[in-house]
PDB file of all heavy atoms in Angstrom:
ATOM      1  N   PHE A   1       3.738  -4.877   6.146  1.00  0.00           N
ATOM      2  CA  PHE A   1       4.846  -5.785   5.850  1.00  0.00           C
ATOM      3  C   PHE A   1       5.264  -5.776   4.373  1.00  0.00           C
ATOM      4  O   PHE A   1       6.024  -6.640   3.949  1.00  0.00           O
ATOM      5  CB  PHE A   1       4.478  -7.210   6.270  1.00  0.00           C
ATOM      6  CG  PHE A   1       4.306  -7.366   7.755  1.00  0.00           C
ATOM      7  CD1 PHE A   1       3.041  -7.531   8.304  1.00  0.00           C
ATOM      8  CD2 PHE A   1       5.404  -7.326   8.600  1.00  0.00           C
ATOM      9  CE1 PHE A   1       2.877  -7.661   9.673  1.00  0.00           C
ATOM     10  CE2 PHE A   1       5.247  -7.462   9.973  1.00  0.00           C
ATOM     11  CZ  PHE A   1       3.986  -7.621  10.514  1.00  0.00           C
ATOM     12  N   LEU A   2       4.790  -4.814   3.610  1.00  0.00           N
ATOM     13  CA  LEU A   2       5.204  -4.746   2.214  1.00  0.00           C
ATOM     14  C   LEU A   2       6.721  -4.631   2.101  1.00  0.00           C
ATOM     15  O   LEU A   2       7.344  -3.787   2.735  1.00  0.00           O
ATOM     16  CB  LEU A   2       4.577  -3.535   1.522  1.00  0.00           C
ATOM     17  CG  LEU A   2       3.100  -3.589   1.136  1.00  0.00           C
ATOM     18  CD1 LEU A   2       2.680  -2.257   0.534  1.00  0.00           C
ATOM     19  CD2 LEU A   2       2.805  -4.736   0.187  1.00  0.00           C
ATOM     20  N   GLY A   3       7.314  -5.485   1.274  1.00  0.00           N
ATOM     21  CA  GLY A   3       8.737  -5.379   0.984  1.00  0.00           C
ATOM     22  C   GLY A   3       8.991  -4.461  -0.195  1.00  0.00           C
ATOM     23  O   GLY A   3       8.052  -3.975  -0.849  1.00  0.00           O
ATOM     24  N   HIS A   4      10.248  -4.237  -0.496  1.00  0.00           N
ATOM     25  CA  HIS A   4      10.615  -3.330  -1.587  1.00  0.00           C
ATOM     26  C   HIS A   4      10.005  -3.783  -2.908  1.00  0.00           C
ATOM     27  O   HIS A   4       9.421  -2.971  -3.648  1.00  0.00           O
ATOM     28  CB  HIS A   4      12.139  -3.261  -1.717  1.00  0.00           C
ATOM     29  CG  HIS A   4      12.600  -2.484  -2.913  1.00  0.00           C
ATOM     30  ND1 HIS A   4      12.587  -1.099  -2.956  1.00  0.00           N
ATOM     31  CD2 HIS A   4      13.072  -2.900  -4.135  1.00  0.00           C
ATOM     32  CE1 HIS A   4      13.033  -0.702  -4.134  1.00  0.00           C
ATOM     33  NE2 HIS A   4      13.335  -1.760  -4.863  1.00  0.00           N
ATOM     34  N   ASP A   5      10.130  -5.065  -3.216  1.00  0.00           N
ATOM     35  CA  ASP A   5       9.595  -5.573  -4.484  1.00  0.00           C
ATOM     36  C   ASP A   5       8.079  -5.463  -4.535  1.00  0.00           C
ATOM     37  O   ASP A   5       7.494  -5.193  -5.599  1.00  0.00           O
ATOM     38  CB  ASP A   5      10.024  -7.021  -4.705  1.00  0.00           C
ATOM     39  CG  ASP A   5      11.511  -7.153  -4.987  1.00  0.00           C
ATOM     40  OD1 ASP A   5      12.161  -6.122  -5.276  1.00  0.00           O
ATOM     41  OD2 ASP A   5      12.020  -8.290  -4.915  1.00  0.00           O
ATOM     42  N   ASP A   6       7.423  -5.669  -3.373  1.00  0.00           N
ATOM     43  CA  ASP A   6       5.970  -5.529  -3.309  1.00  0.00           C
ATOM     44  C   ASP A   6       5.550  -4.090  -3.617  1.00  0.00           C
ATOM     45  O   ASP A   6       4.588  -3.849  -4.363  1.00  0.00           O
ATOM     46  CB  ASP A   6       5.455  -5.912  -1.924  1.00  0.00           C
ATOM     47  CG  ASP A   6       5.592  -7.395  -1.632  1.00  0.00           C
ATOM     48  OD1 ASP A   6       5.729  -8.178  -2.590  1.00  0.00           O
ATOM     49  OD2 ASP A   6       5.559  -7.762  -0.442  1.00  0.00           O
ATOM     50  N   LYS A   7       6.260  -3.143  -3.046  1.00  0.00           N
ATOM     51  CA  LYS A   7       5.946  -1.733  -3.283  1.00  0.00           C
ATOM     52  C   LYS A   7       6.099  -1.397  -4.761  1.00  0.00           C
ATOM     53  O   LYS A   7       5.257  -0.700  -5.349  1.00  0.00           O
ATOM     54  CB  LYS A   7       6.859  -0.842  -2.441  1.00  0.00           C
ATOM     55  CG  LYS A   7       6.687  -1.003  -0.939  1.00  0.00           C
ATOM     56  CD  LYS A   7       7.720  -0.161  -0.199  1.00  0.00           C
ATOM     57  CE  LYS A   7       7.705  -0.429   1.283  1.00  0.00           C
ATOM     58  NZ  LYS A   7       8.745   0.361   2.000  1.00  0.00           N
ATOM     59  N   GLU A   8       7.177  -1.892  -5.352  1.00  0.00           N
ATOM     60  CA  GLU A   8       7.428  -1.622  -6.774  1.00  0.00           C
ATOM     61  C   GLU A   8       6.334  -2.229  -7.651  1.00  0.00           C
ATOM     62  O   GLU A   8       5.900  -1.631  -8.646  1.00  0.00           O
ATOM     63  CB  GLU A   8       8.797  -2.181  -7.171  1.00  0.00           C
ATOM     64  CG  GLU A   8       9.975  -1.447  -6.541  1.00  0.00           C
ATOM     65  CD  GLU A   8      10.106  -0.024  -7.043  1.00  0.00           C
ATOM     66  OE1 GLU A   8      10.018   0.179  -8.273  1.00  0.00           O
ATOM     67  OE2 GLU A   8      10.259   0.884  -6.202  1.00  0.00           O
ATOM     68  N   LEU A   9       5.877  -3.412  -7.275  1.00  0.00           N
ATOM     69  CA  LEU A   9       4.830  -4.078  -8.055  1.00  0.00           C
ATOM     70  C   LEU A   9       3.527  -3.296  -7.989  1.00  0.00           C
ATOM     71  O   LEU A   9       2.863  -3.079  -9.015  1.00  0.00           O
ATOM     72  CB  LEU A   9       4.617  -5.507  -7.538  1.00  0.00           C
ATOM     73  CG  LEU A   9       3.593  -6.361  -8.300  1.00  0.00           C
ATOM     74  CD1 LEU A   9       4.071  -6.627  -9.723  1.00  0.00           C
ATOM     75  CD2 LEU A   9       3.344  -7.678  -7.566  1.00  0.00           C
ATOM     76  N   LEU A  10       3.155  -2.863  -6.794  1.00  0.00           N
ATOM     77  CA  LEU A  10       1.894  -2.151  -6.635  1.00  0.00           C
ATOM     78  C   LEU A  10       1.900  -0.803  -7.344  1.00  0.00           C
ATOM     79  O   LEU A  10       0.938  -0.440  -8.027  1.00  0.00           O
ATOM     80  CB  LEU A  10       1.587  -1.952  -5.148  1.00  0.00           C
ATOM     81  CG  LEU A  10       1.079  -3.176  -4.382  1.00  0.00           C
ATOM     82  CD1 LEU A  10       0.951  -2.854  -2.904  1.00  0.00           C
ATOM     83  CD2 LEU A  10      -0.253  -3.670  -4.937  1.00  0.00           C
ATOM     84  N   THR A  11       2.972  -0.046  -7.183  1.00  0.00           N
ATOM     85  CA  THR A  11       2.997   1.291  -7.775  1.00  0.00           C
ATOM     86  C   THR A  11       3.377   1.262  -9.249  1.00  0.00           C
ATOM     87  O   THR A  11       3.112   2.220  -9.975  1.00  0.00           O
ATOM     88  CB  THR A  11       3.981   2.200  -7.008  1.00  0.00           C
ATOM     89  OG1 THR A  11       5.292   1.610  -7.024  1.00  0.00           O
ATOM     90  CG2 THR A  11       3.528   2.387  -5.573  1.00  0.00           C
ATOM     91  N   GLY A  12       3.988   0.160  -9.698  1.00  0.00           N
ATOM     92  CA  GLY A  12       4.379   0.025 -11.096  1.00  0.00           C
ATOM     93  C   GLY A  12       3.344  -0.714 -11.904  1.00  0.00           C
ATOM     94  O   GLY A  12       2.426  -0.113 -12.472  1.00  0.00           O
ATOM     95  N   ASP A  13       3.451  -2.037 -11.943  1.00  0.00           N
ATOM     96  CA  ASP A  13       2.554  -2.846 -12.768  1.00  0.00           C
ATOM     97  C   ASP A  13       1.075  -2.647 -12.425  1.00  0.00           C
ATOM     98  O   ASP A  13       0.212  -2.698 -13.310  1.00  0.00           O
ATOM     99  CB  ASP A  13       2.891  -4.335 -12.617  1.00  0.00           C
ATOM    100  CG  ASP A  13       4.208  -4.701 -13.291  1.00  0.00           C
ATOM    101  OD1 ASP A  13       4.787  -3.826 -13.965  1.00  0.00           O
ATOM    102  OD2 ASP A  13       4.636  -5.857 -13.151  1.00  0.00           O
ATOM    103  N   TYR A  14       0.776  -2.439 -11.136  1.00  0.00           N
ATOM    104  CA  TYR A  14      -0.621  -2.324 -10.719  1.00  0.00           C
ATOM    105  C   TYR A  14      -1.092  -0.880 -10.560  1.00  0.00           C
ATOM    106  O   TYR A  14      -2.236  -0.641 -10.184  1.00  0.00           O
ATOM    107  CB  TYR A  14      -0.852  -3.132  -9.433  1.00  0.00           C
ATOM    108  CG  TYR A  14      -0.930  -4.621  -9.714  1.00  0.00           C
ATOM    109  CD1 TYR A  14       0.218  -5.391  -9.783  1.00  0.00           C
ATOM    110  CD2 TYR A  14      -2.151  -5.237  -9.963  1.00  0.00           C
ATOM    111  CE1 TYR A  14       0.158  -6.751 -10.071  1.00  0.00           C
ATOM    112  CE2 TYR A  14      -2.233  -6.595 -10.246  1.00  0.00           C
ATOM    113  CZ  TYR A  14      -1.067  -7.341 -10.298  1.00  0.00           C
ATOM    114  OH  TYR A  14      -1.135  -8.683 -10.597  1.00  0.00           O
ATOM    115  N   ASN A  15      -0.211   0.075 -10.846  1.00  0.00           N
ATOM    116  CA  ASN A  15      -0.582   1.490 -10.978  1.00  0.00           C
ATOM    117  C   ASN A  15      -1.372   2.017  -9.786  1.00  0.00           C
ATOM    118  O   ASN A  15      -2.336   2.789  -9.940  1.00  0.00           O
ATOM    119  CB  ASN A  15      -1.387   1.702 -12.268  1.00  0.00           C
ATOM    120  CG  ASN A  15      -1.414   3.150 -12.706  1.00  0.00           C
ATOM    121  OD1 ASN A  15      -0.475   3.901 -12.452  1.00  0.00           O
ATOM    122  ND2 ASN A  15      -2.480   3.559 -13.353  1.00  0.00           N
ATOM    123  N   LEU A  16      -0.998   1.605  -8.571  1.00  0.00           N
ATOM    124  CA  LEU A  16      -1.691   2.061  -7.363  1.00  0.00           C
ATOM    125  C   LEU A  16      -1.419   3.546  -7.129  1.00  0.00           C
ATOM    126  O   LEU A  16      -0.265   3.980  -7.117  1.00  0.00           O
ATOM    127  CB  LEU A  16      -1.220   1.253  -6.151  1.00  0.00           C
ATOM    128  CG  LEU A  16      -1.797   1.670  -4.794  1.00  0.00           C
ATOM    129  CD1 LEU A  16      -3.314   1.518  -4.784  1.00  0.00           C
ATOM    130  CD2 LEU A  16      -1.163   0.847  -3.683  1.00  0.00           C
ATOM    131  N   ARG A  17      -2.503   4.322  -6.902  1.00  0.00           N
ATOM    132  CA  ARG A  17      -2.354   5.750  -6.667  1.00  0.00           C
ATOM    133  C   ARG A  17      -3.136   6.247  -5.456  1.00  0.00           C
ATOM    134  O   ARG A  17      -2.876   7.339  -4.967  1.00  0.00           O
ATOM    135  CB  ARG A  17      -2.789   6.536  -7.911  1.00  0.00           C
ATOM    136  CG  ARG A  17      -1.867   6.346  -9.115  1.00  0.00           C
ATOM    137  CD  ARG A  17      -0.461   6.882  -8.851  1.00  0.00           C
ATOM    138  NE  ARG A  17       0.448   6.694  -9.971  1.00  0.00           N
ATOM    139  CZ  ARG A  17       1.263   5.644 -10.118  1.00  0.00           C
ATOM    140  NH1 ARG A  17       1.274   4.683  -9.182  1.00  0.00           N
ATOM    141  NH2 ARG A  17       2.066   5.541 -11.146  1.00  0.00           N
ATOM    142  N   ASP A  18      -4.099   5.458  -4.971  1.00  0.00           N
ATOM    143  CA  ASP A  18      -4.898   5.892  -3.823  1.00  0.00           C
ATOM    144  C   ASP A  18      -5.125   4.741  -2.863  1.00  0.00           C
ATOM    145  O   ASP A  18      -5.571   3.662  -3.280  1.00  0.00           O
ATOM    146  CB  ASP A  18      -6.258   6.429  -4.283  1.00  0.00           C
ATOM    147  CG  ASP A  18      -6.180   7.846  -4.798  1.00  0.00           C
ATOM    148  OD1 ASP A  18      -6.232   8.769  -3.963  1.00  0.00           O
ATOM    149  OD2 ASP A  18      -6.062   8.025  -6.025  1.00  0.00           O
ATOM    150  N   ILE A  19      -4.819   4.969  -1.579  1.00  0.00           N
ATOM    151  CA  ILE A  19      -5.078   3.988  -0.522  1.00  0.00           C
ATOM    152  C   ILE A  19      -6.109   4.561   0.433  1.00  0.00           C
ATOM    153  O   ILE A  19      -6.001   5.715   0.871  1.00  0.00           O
ATOM    154  CB  ILE A  19      -3.785   3.656   0.255  1.00  0.00           C
ATOM    155  CG1 ILE A  19      -2.818   2.867  -0.633  1.00  0.00           C
ATOM    156  CG2 ILE A  19      -4.105   2.864   1.526  1.00  0.00           C
ATOM    157  CD1 ILE A  19      -1.467   2.621   0.010  1.00  0.00           C
ATOM    158  N   ILE A  20      -7.116   3.769   0.761  1.00  0.00           N
ATOM    159  CA  ILE A  20      -8.128   4.131   1.756  1.00  0.00           C
ATOM    160  C   ILE A  20      -7.977   3.172   2.925  1.00  0.00           C
ATOM    161  O   ILE A  20      -8.140   1.960   2.768  1.00  0.00           O
ATOM    162  CB  ILE A  20      -9.545   4.050   1.157  1.00  0.00           C
ATOM    163  CG1 ILE A  20      -9.647   4.950  -0.085  1.00  0.00           C
ATOM    164  CG2 ILE A  20     -10.587   4.459   2.199  1.00  0.00           C
ATOM    165  CD1 ILE A  20     -10.929   4.758  -0.880  1.00  0.00           C
ATOM    166  N   ASP A  21      -7.655   3.705   4.082  1.00  0.00           N
ATOM    167  CA  ASP A  21      -7.312   2.904   5.260  1.00  0.00           C
ATOM    168  C   ASP A  21      -8.488   2.902   6.231  1.00  0.00           C
ATOM    169  O   ASP A  21      -8.809   3.919   6.847  1.00  0.00           O
ATOM    170  CB  ASP A  21      -6.058   3.484   5.922  1.00  0.00           C
ATOM    171  CG  ASP A  21      -5.469   2.586   6.997  1.00  0.00           C
ATOM    172  OD1 ASP A  21      -6.196   1.704   7.507  1.00  0.00           O
ATOM    173  OD2 ASP A  21      -4.289   2.775   7.342  1.00  0.00           O
ATOM    174  N   PHE A  22      -9.136   1.731   6.372  1.00  0.00           N
ATOM    175  CA  PHE A  22     -10.318   1.596   7.223  1.00  0.00           C
ATOM    176  C   PHE A  22      -9.985   1.442   8.714  1.00  0.00           C
ATOM    177  O   PHE A  22     -10.897   1.358   9.537  1.00  0.00           O
ATOM    178  CB  PHE A  22     -11.118   0.353   6.806  1.00  0.00           C
ATOM    179  CG  PHE A  22     -11.898   0.501   5.523  1.00  0.00           C
ATOM    180  CD1 PHE A  22     -12.523  -0.609   4.968  1.00  0.00           C
ATOM    181  CD2 PHE A  22     -12.020   1.712   4.878  1.00  0.00           C
ATOM    182  CE1 PHE A  22     -13.265  -0.507   3.795  1.00  0.00           C
ATOM    183  CE2 PHE A  22     -12.751   1.829   3.704  1.00  0.00           C
ATOM    184  CZ  PHE A  22     -13.376   0.717   3.167  1.00  0.00           C
ATOM    185  N   ARG A  23      -8.731   1.353   9.085  1.00  0.00           N
ATOM    186  CA  ARG A  23      -8.357   1.018  10.456  1.00  0.00           C
ATOM    187  C   ARG A  23      -8.545   2.200  11.416  1.00  0.00           C
ATOM    188  O   ARG A  23      -8.660   3.351  11.014  1.00  0.00           O
ATOM    189  CB  ARG A  23      -6.900   0.550  10.500  1.00  0.00           C
ATOM    190  CG  ARG A  23      -6.634  -0.708   9.698  1.00  0.00           C
ATOM    191  CD  ARG A  23      -5.152  -1.066   9.718  1.00  0.00           C
ATOM    192  NE  ARG A  23      -4.336   0.016   9.167  1.00  0.00           N
ATOM    193  CZ  ARG A  23      -3.016   0.098   9.298  1.00  0.00           C
ATOM    194  NH1 ARG A  23      -2.369  -0.816   9.991  1.00  0.00           N
ATOM    195  NH2 ARG A  23      -2.358   1.111   8.754  1.00  0.00           N
ATOM    196  N   THR A  24      -8.538   1.870  12.706  1.00  0.00           N
ATOM    197  CA  THR A  24      -8.589   2.903  13.732  1.00  0.00           C
ATOM    198  C   THR A  24      -7.255   3.637  13.805  1.00  0.00           C
ATOM    199  O   THR A  24      -6.226   3.174  13.303  1.00  0.00           O
ATOM    200  CB  THR A  24      -8.882   2.296  15.113  1.00  0.00           C
ATOM    201  OG1 THR A  24      -7.788   1.439  15.491  1.00  0.00           O
ATOM    202  CG2 THR A  24     -10.172   1.475  15.101  1.00  0.00           C
ATOM    203  N   GLU A  25      -7.278   4.774  14.476  1.00  0.00           N
ATOM    204  CA  GLU A  25      -6.043   5.552  14.642  1.00  0.00           C
ATOM    205  C   GLU A  25      -4.987   4.736  15.378  1.00  0.00           C
ATOM    206  O   GLU A  25      -3.798   4.802  15.049  1.00  0.00           O
ATOM    207  CB  GLU A  25      -6.349   6.845  15.401  1.00  0.00           C
ATOM    208  CG  GLU A  25      -5.203   7.827  15.464  1.00  0.00           C
ATOM    209  CD  GLU A  25      -4.197   7.525  16.571  1.00  0.00           C
ATOM    210  OE1 GLU A  25      -4.614   6.920  17.581  1.00  0.00           O
ATOM    211  OE2 GLU A  25      -3.007   7.885  16.415  1.00  0.00           O
ATOM    212  N   LYS A  26      -5.408   3.957  16.376  1.00  0.00           N
ATOM    213  CA  LYS A  26      -4.463   3.142  17.140  1.00  0.00           C
ATOM    214  C   LYS A  26      -3.819   2.076  16.260  1.00  0.00           C
ATOM    215  O   LYS A  26      -2.607   1.838  16.329  1.00  0.00           O
ATOM    216  CB  LYS A  26      -5.179   2.491  18.316  1.00  0.00           C
ATOM    217  CG  LYS A  26      -4.253   1.752  19.277  1.00  0.00           C
ATOM    218  CD  LYS A  26      -5.017   1.254  20.492  1.00  0.00           C
ATOM    219  CE  LYS A  26      -4.082   0.600  21.491  1.00  0.00           C
ATOM    220  NZ  LYS A  26      -4.821   0.111  22.685  1.00  0.00           N
ATOM    221  N   GLU A  27      -4.602   1.426  15.427  1.00  0.00           N
ATOM    222  CA  GLU A  27      -4.053   0.435  14.501  1.00  0.00           C
ATOM    223  C   GLU A  27      -3.057   1.078  13.538  1.00  0.00           C
ATOM    224  O   GLU A  27      -1.993   0.511  13.253  1.00  0.00           O
ATOM    225  CB  GLU A  27      -5.179  -0.219  13.704  1.00  0.00           C
ATOM    226  CG  GLU A  27      -6.071  -1.155  14.502  1.00  0.00           C
ATOM    227  CD  GLU A  27      -7.229  -1.649  13.670  1.00  0.00           C
ATOM    228  OE1 GLU A  27      -8.110  -0.844  13.308  1.00  0.00           O
ATOM    229  OE2 GLU A  27      -7.254  -2.857  13.364  1.00  0.00           O
ATOM    230  N   ARG A  28      -3.406   2.237  13.017  1.00  0.00           N
ATOM    231  CA  ARG A  28      -2.509   2.918  12.080  1.00  0.00           C
ATOM    232  C   ARG A  28      -1.201   3.324  12.748  1.00  0.00           C
ATOM    233  O   ARG A  28      -0.131   3.266  12.138  1.00  0.00           O
ATOM    234  CB  ARG A  28      -3.192   4.157  11.480  1.00  0.00           C
ATOM    235  CG  ARG A  28      -4.441   3.845  10.678  1.00  0.00           C
ATOM    236  CD  ARG A  28      -4.854   5.033   9.811  1.00  0.00           C
ATOM    237  NE  ARG A  28      -5.015   6.265  10.562  1.00  0.00           N
ATOM    238  CZ  ARG A  28      -6.132   6.640  11.158  1.00  0.00           C
ATOM    239  NH1 ARG A  28      -7.206   5.852  11.107  1.00  0.00           N
ATOM    240  NH2 ARG A  28      -6.215   7.788  11.796  1.00  0.00           N
TER     241      ARG A  28
END
């Protein structure tokens, strides 16, 4: 449910570069 501003905040101010997704294939 990330919105546009949320994405910008994470990749900008919070410098996010790697996501590790613990969910099952069905959840993803």
